[in-house]
Amino acid sequence: MLRYAAIRLIRALLTVWLAVTAVFLGLRLSGDPAQALLGPEASSEAVRALRQAWGLDDPIAVQYARYLWQIAHGDFGRSLRERRPATEVVNERIPATLHLGLTALGVATLLGVTLGTLAAFHAGRFTDRVIVALAALGQGIPNFVLGLLLIVVFAFYLRLAPTGGREQPSSLILPALTLASFSTASLTRYTRSALLEVLRADYVRTAYAKGLPFHRVLVDHIGRNSALTLVTVLGLQLAIAIAGAVITETIFAWPGMGRLLANAAELRDFPVVQYAVFLIVVSVVTVNFLTDLAYGLLDPRIREG
């Protein structure tokens, strides 16, 4: 198990390094932050002085080495816009993102597992066909389209929820439903597929033949053997919720890290973008790493392989 965990950890660290490198190079190719800050009418001398003050006139190799050294020491620089440490600017937005992401994941888990189980136990019937059709629709509608539709229907016409912000508890309803839509659809389909595979297995029929009650079969045989698939999907959906918050927060003016990242990328605030993306990548990689460990614990064949 230790060897299995060590290999996954090395892969996780390699993924983080590749991600931060890609962000560093992508930002340097996106444009000049000094010019964006000073505006198109700024003199070349002013732009050059600001670039020199920020160290942007150094060779790329020097900037990259300094960037990795600073990350290794927990220093992500100061926001070019707010003149504060980038960690401070981003960290104050994390609670709002966690509030939205965990709420959306909770809604998706509850609805997805329930609907998937209902569809599996009514396979081939009208209930199953309706749930499968709704799941396909949920996976096919982009978040930004669904978010705008919810705003038009529930905010403008029905006036049941605000259009955005975080000033009142009801402000969470529309963004949480939007962010949870894709995850709910995915969990529904994967739960249905996993349960159908288990329900058709010989050991389930044997358990029924022995006279075991339904709840024992459901927990000891069906639940345990379908847990591996559900753990994988839940880990993936958590990663999707973390990364997908950027679009949802922007649509609903939710004051979280995703909206901050979108604004900082538009304004070319390199330190803020680098730190925000670093946090997102580390979160996603950590979730995947823990999912891999859970895989190994649930199925010894995987870690032995």
Protein backbone atom coordinates (compact mmCIF):
# COMPACT_ATOMS: atom_id res chain seq x y z
CA MET A 1 0.00 0.00 0.00
CA LEU A 2 2.89 2.39 0.75
CA ARG A 3 4.39 1.84 -2.70
CA TYR A 4 0.98 2.40 -4.27
CA ALA A 5 0.53 5.67 -2.33
CA ALA A 6 4.08 6.84 -3.14
CA ILE A 7 3.57 6.37 -6.88
CA ARG A 8 0.29 8.32 -6.75
CA LEU A 9 1.96 11.10 -4.73
CA ILE A 10 4.77 11.45 -7.27
CA ARG A 11 2.21 11.67 -10.07
CA ALA A 12 0.27 14.30 -8.12
CA LEU A 13 3.37 16.46 -7.58
CA LEU A 14 4.30 16.14 -11.25
CA THR A 15 0.80 17.25 -12.25
CA VAL A 16 1.04 20.33 -10.00
CA TRP A 17 4.42 21.25 -11.48
CA LEU A 18 3.16 20.91 -15.06
CA ALA A 19 0.07 22.99 -14.24
CA VAL A 20 1.95 25.89 -12.61
CA THR A 21 4.45 25.87 -15.48
CA ALA A 22 1.65 26.03 -18.05
CA VAL A 23 0.02 28.92 -16.17
CA PHE A 24 3.33 30.80 -15.97
CA LEU A 25 4.00 30.48 -19.70
CA GLY A 26 0.39 31.16 -20.69
CA LEU A 27 0.26 34.40 -18.71
CA ARG A 28 3.50 35.65 -20.24
CA LEU A 29 2.06 35.05 -23.70
CA SER A 30 -1.28 36.72 -22.91
CA GLY A 31 -0.03 40.31 -22.96
CA ASP A 32 1.79 42.99 -21.02
CA PRO A 33 0.31 43.66 -17.54
CA ALA A 34 2.15 46.99 -17.29
CA GLN A 35 0.52 48.23 -20.47
CA ALA A 36 -2.88 46.93 -19.30
CA LEU A 37 -2.53 48.72 -15.97
CA LEU A 38 -1.32 52.06 -17.33
CA GLY A 39 -3.62 52.09 -20.35
CA PRO A 40 -2.99 52.55 -24.08
CA GLU A 41 -2.07 56.22 -23.70
CA ALA A 42 0.83 55.60 -21.30
CA SER A 43 4.31 56.51 -22.49
CA SER A 44 6.81 53.82 -23.34
CA GLU A 45 9.10 55.10 -20.57
CA ALA A 46 6.39 54.63 -17.94
CA VAL A 47 5.58 51.14 -19.20
CA ARG A 48 9.27 50.20 -19.26
CA ALA A 49 9.80 51.52 -15.71
CA LEU A 50 6.83 49.55 -14.40
CA ARG A 51 7.99 46.37 -16.14
CA GLN A 52 11.41 46.81 -14.59
CA ALA A 53 9.92 47.35 -11.13
CA TRP A 54 7.93 44.12 -11.44
CA GLY A 55 10.83 42.16 -12.90
CA LEU A 56 8.98 41.52 -16.17
CA ASP A 57 11.90 42.69 -18.29
CA ASP A 58 14.07 39.81 -17.08
CA PRO A 59 14.56 36.78 -19.35
CA ILE A 60 11.81 34.17 -19.16
CA ALA A 61 14.19 31.61 -17.66
CA VAL A 62 15.08 34.02 -14.84
CA GLN A 63 11.42 34.83 -14.18
CA TYR A 64 10.54 31.13 -14.17
CA ALA A 65 13.32 30.23 -11.73
CA ARG A 66 12.29 33.10 -9.44
CA TYR A 67 8.64 31.98 -9.73
CA LEU A 68 9.44 28.39 -8.66
CA TRP A 69 11.68 29.62 -5.83
CA GLN A 70 8.93 31.88 -4.52
CA ILE A 71 6.30 29.11 -4.71
CA ALA A 72 8.61 26.75 -2.82
CA HIS A 73 8.77 29.36 -0.03
CA GLY A 74 5.04 30.16 -0.09
CA ASP A 75 5.55 33.58 -1.65
CA PHE A 76 3.19 34.33 -4.56
CA GLY A 77 4.01 38.01 -4.84
CA ARG A 78 1.78 41.06 -4.53
CA SER A 79 -1.33 41.82 -6.54
CA LEU A 80 -0.48 44.22 -9.34
CA ARG A 81 -3.88 45.88 -8.94
CA GLU A 82 -4.52 45.97 -5.21
CA ARG A 83 -0.90 46.28 -4.02
CA ARG A 84 -1.52 43.55 -1.44
CA PRO A 85 -0.11 40.03 -1.14
CA ALA A 86 -1.81 37.79 -3.70
CA THR A 87 -2.40 35.18 -0.99
CA GLU A 88 -4.37 37.71 1.03
CA VAL A 89 -6.47 38.79 -1.97
CA VAL A 90 -7.38 35.21 -2.90
CA ASN A 91 -7.74 33.70 0.57
CA GLU A 92 -10.48 36.13 1.56
CA ARG A 93 -12.59 34.74 -1.32
CA ILE A 94 -12.14 31.06 -0.45
CA PRO A 95 -15.02 30.80 2.10
CA ALA A 96 -17.56 31.95 -0.51
CA THR A 97 -16.28 29.42 -3.06
CA LEU A 98 -16.32 26.59 -0.52
CA HIS A 99 -19.85 27.56 0.51
CA LEU A 100 -21.07 27.37 -3.06
CA GLY A 101 -19.04 24.33 -4.12
CA LEU A 102 -19.87 22.13 -1.13
CA THR A 103 -23.55 23.06 -1.30
CA ALA A 104 -23.66 22.19 -4.99
CA LEU A 105 -21.85 18.90 -4.36
CA GLY A 106 -24.25 18.01 -1.55
CA VAL A 107 -27.25 18.70 -3.76
CA ALA A 108 -25.71 16.74 -6.64
CA THR A 109 -24.88 13.75 -4.42
CA LEU A 110 -28.32 13.59 -2.85
CA LEU A 111 -30.21 13.95 -6.13
CA GLY A 112 -27.80 11.94 -8.28
CA VAL A 113 -27.57 8.87 -6.05
CA THR A 114 -31.31 8.91 -5.35
CA LEU A 115 -32.34 9.27 -8.99
CA GLY A 116 -29.74 6.75 -10.15
CA THR A 117 -30.91 4.19 -7.61
CA LEU A 118 -34.53 4.79 -8.54
CA ALA A 119 -33.73 4.35 -12.23
CA ALA A 120 -31.75 1.15 -11.63
CA PHE A 121 -34.54 -0.51 -9.64
CA HIS A 122 -37.06 0.48 -12.33
CA ALA A 123 -34.83 -0.35 -15.32
CA GLY A 124 -36.68 -0.34 -18.63
CA ARG A 125 -39.82 1.24 -17.19
CA PHE A 126 -41.26 4.72 -17.65
CA THR A 127 -39.53 6.07 -14.52
CA ASP A 128 -36.17 4.88 -15.76
CA ARG A 129 -36.64 6.41 -19.21
CA VAL A 130 -37.66 9.79 -17.75
CA ILE A 131 -34.68 9.91 -15.38
CA VAL A 132 -32.22 8.91 -18.11
CA ALA A 133 -33.65 11.59 -20.42
CA LEU A 134 -33.34 14.25 -17.71
CA ALA A 135 -29.76 13.16 -16.98
CA ALA A 136 -28.83 13.44 -20.65
CA LEU A 137 -30.40 16.91 -20.73
CA GLY A 138 -28.49 17.95 -17.61
CA GLN A 139 -25.18 16.87 -19.12
CA GLY A 140 -25.92 18.59 -22.41
CA ILE A 141 -26.80 22.09 -21.15
CA PRO A 142 -23.73 24.28 -20.43
CA ASN A 143 -23.59 25.99 -17.05
CA PHE A 144 -23.68 29.49 -18.49
CA VAL A 145 -26.84 28.71 -20.50
CA LEU A 146 -28.61 27.08 -17.56
CA GLY A 147 -27.57 29.91 -15.24
CA LEU A 148 -29.03 32.56 -17.54
CA LEU A 149 -32.24 30.55 -17.94
CA LEU A 150 -32.64 30.24 -14.18
CA ILE A 151 -32.08 33.97 -13.75
CA VAL A 152 -34.70 34.82 -16.37
CA VAL A 153 -37.32 32.40 -15.00
CA PHE A 154 -36.84 32.50 -11.23
CA ALA A 155 -35.37 35.99 -10.75
CA PHE A 156 -37.07 38.16 -13.36
CA TYR A 157 -40.44 36.46 -13.98
CA LEU A 158 -41.24 34.58 -10.76
CA ARG A 159 -39.12 36.79 -8.47
CA LEU A 160 -38.36 33.86 -6.18
CA ALA A 161 -34.62 34.46 -5.91
CA PRO A 162 -32.15 37.32 -6.45
CA THR A 163 -30.15 37.57 -9.66
CA GLY A 164 -26.80 37.46 -7.93
CA GLY A 165 -24.61 38.45 -5.03
CA ARG A 166 -24.36 36.89 -1.59
CA GLU A 167 -26.33 39.34 0.54
CA GLN A 168 -29.12 36.95 1.55
CA PRO A 169 -29.48 33.16 2.04
CA SER A 170 -31.69 32.80 -1.05
CA SER A 171 -28.81 34.10 -3.17
CA LEU A 172 -27.27 30.62 -2.92
CA ILE A 173 -30.17 28.76 -4.55
CA LEU A 174 -29.68 29.57 -8.25
CA PRO A 175 -25.86 29.33 -8.40
CA ALA A 176 -25.88 26.09 -6.40
CA LEU A 177 -28.46 24.52 -8.73
CA THR A 178 -26.50 25.69 -11.76
CA LEU A 179 -23.21 24.31 -10.49
CA ALA A 180 -24.86 21.06 -9.37
CA SER A 181 -26.66 20.36 -12.66
CA PHE A 182 -23.85 18.58 -14.53
CA SER A 183 -22.69 16.66 -11.45
CA THR A 184 -26.25 15.54 -10.70
CA ALA A 185 -26.67 14.21 -14.23
CA SER A 186 -23.32 12.41 -14.14
CA LEU A 187 -23.93 10.86 -10.73
CA THR A 188 -27.38 9.71 -11.84
CA ARG A 189 -26.04 7.90 -14.88
CA TYR A 190 -23.02 6.38 -13.12
CA THR A 191 -25.10 5.26 -10.13
CA ARG A 192 -27.65 3.65 -12.42
CA SER A 193 -24.94 1.89 -14.44
CA ALA A 194 -23.07 0.65 -11.37
CA LEU A 195 -26.21 -0.65 -9.69
CA LEU A 196 -27.48 -2.38 -12.81
CA GLU A 197 -24.18 -4.22 -13.15
CA VAL A 198 -24.31 -5.36 -9.53
CA LEU A 199 -28.02 -6.24 -9.58
CA ARG A 200 -27.40 -8.68 -12.44
CA ALA A 201 -24.49 -10.40 -10.66
CA ASP A 202 -24.78 -14.00 -9.54
CA TYR A 203 -23.93 -13.26 -5.90
CA VAL A 204 -26.94 -10.92 -5.62
CA ARG A 205 -29.28 -13.59 -6.95
CA THR A 206 -27.68 -16.06 -4.56
CA ALA A 207 -28.22 -13.70 -1.63
CA TYR A 208 -31.91 -13.40 -2.50
CA ALA A 209 -32.13 -17.18 -2.91
CA LYS A 210 -30.73 -17.65 0.61
CA GLY A 211 -33.65 -15.61 1.91
CA LEU A 212 -31.68 -12.54 3.01
CA PRO A 213 -33.89 -9.46 3.54
CA PHE A 214 -33.74 -6.65 1.00
CA HIS A 215 -31.93 -4.19 3.28
CA ARG A 216 -29.15 -6.74 3.96
CA VAL A 217 -28.70 -7.40 0.25
CA LEU A 218 -28.74 -3.69 -0.48
CA VAL A 219 -26.10 -2.79 2.11
CA ASP A 220 -23.82 -5.85 2.20
CA HIS A 221 -23.84 -6.86 -1.45
CA ILE A 222 -25.17 -4.15 -3.74
CA GLY A 223 -23.85 -1.13 -1.82
CA ARG A 224 -20.34 -2.40 -1.17
CA ASN A 225 -19.73 -3.65 -4.69
CA SER A 226 -20.98 -0.46 -6.32
CA ALA A 227 -19.08 1.81 -3.92
CA LEU A 228 -15.89 1.72 -6.00
CA THR A 229 -17.55 3.37 -8.98
CA LEU A 230 -19.37 5.91 -6.82
CA VAL A 231 -16.17 6.92 -4.99
CA THR A 232 -14.48 7.60 -8.31
CA VAL A 233 -17.37 9.65 -9.63
CA LEU A 234 -17.74 11.63 -6.39
CA GLY A 235 -14.06 12.55 -6.49
CA LEU A 236 -14.39 13.64 -10.09
CA GLN A 237 -17.51 15.69 -9.38
CA LEU A 238 -15.82 17.46 -6.48
CA ALA A 239 -12.99 18.44 -8.81
CA ILE A 240 -15.53 19.64 -11.39
CA ALA A 241 -17.33 21.70 -8.73
CA ILE A 242 -14.08 23.39 -7.71
CA ALA A 243 -12.97 24.16 -11.25
CA GLY A 244 -16.45 24.92 -12.63
CA ALA A 245 -17.13 27.62 -10.05
CA VAL A 246 -15.34 30.16 -12.24
CA ILE A 247 -18.20 30.37 -14.78
CA THR A 248 -21.00 30.06 -12.24
CA GLU A 249 -19.58 32.71 -9.91
CA THR A 250 -19.13 35.10 -12.82
CA ILE A 251 -22.74 34.65 -14.00
CA PHE A 252 -24.25 35.19 -10.56
CA ALA A 253 -21.74 37.81 -9.31
CA TRP A 254 -20.86 35.41 -6.50
CA PRO A 255 -17.93 36.94 -4.57
CA GLY A 256 -15.77 33.84 -4.65
CA MET A 257 -12.37 32.80 -5.91
CA GLY A 258 -13.65 31.84 -9.36
CA ARG A 259 -14.99 35.31 -10.10
CA LEU A 260 -11.79 36.86 -8.76
CA LEU A 261 -9.76 34.60 -11.06
CA ALA A 262 -11.78 35.62 -14.11
CA ASN A 263 -11.36 39.32 -13.33
CA ALA A 264 -7.66 38.95 -12.55
CA ALA A 265 -7.03 37.08 -15.81
CA GLU A 266 -8.79 39.80 -17.77
CA LEU A 267 -6.70 42.49 -16.05
CA ARG A 268 -3.50 40.40 -16.29
CA ASP A 269 -2.89 40.45 -12.55
CA PHE A 270 -0.24 37.70 -12.76
CA PRO A 271 0.33 37.00 -9.03
CA VAL A 272 -3.39 36.66 -8.26
CA VAL A 273 -4.01 34.39 -11.26
CA GLN A 274 -0.98 32.23 -10.45
CA TYR A 275 -1.96 31.76 -6.82
CA ALA A 276 -5.66 31.15 -7.57
CA VAL A 277 -4.87 28.56 -10.24
CA PHE A 278 -2.30 26.97 -7.92
CA LEU A 279 -4.97 26.53 -5.24
CA ILE A 280 -7.45 25.07 -7.73
CA VAL A 281 -4.88 22.65 -9.15
CA VAL A 282 -3.74 21.54 -5.69
CA SER A 283 -7.37 21.03 -4.65
CA VAL A 284 -8.20 18.94 -7.71
CA VAL A 285 -4.98 16.91 -7.49
CA THR A 286 -5.54 16.30 -3.77
CA VAL A 287 -9.07 15.06 -4.41
CA ASN A 288 -7.83 12.73 -7.14
CA PHE A 289 -5.00 11.49 -4.90
CA LEU A 290 -7.40 10.71 -2.06
CA THR A 291 -9.73 9.01 -4.55
CA ASP A 292 -6.86 6.81 -5.72
CA LEU A 293 -6.09 5.88 -2.11
CA ALA A 294 -9.74 5.04 -1.52
CA TYR A 295 -9.61 2.89 -4.64
CA GLY A 296 -6.71 0.95 -3.22
CA LEU A 297 -8.41 0.47 0.12
CA LEU A 298 -11.70 -0.66 -1.39
CA ASP A 299 -10.18 -3.01 -3.96
CA PRO A 300 -6.87 -4.71 -3.02
CA ARG A 301 -6.44 -5.90 -6.64
CA ILE A 302 -5.77 -2.33 -7.73
CA ARG A 303 -2.93 -1.60 -5.33
CA GLU A 304 -1.43 -5.05 -5.94
CA GLY A 305 -1.48 -4.38 -9.68
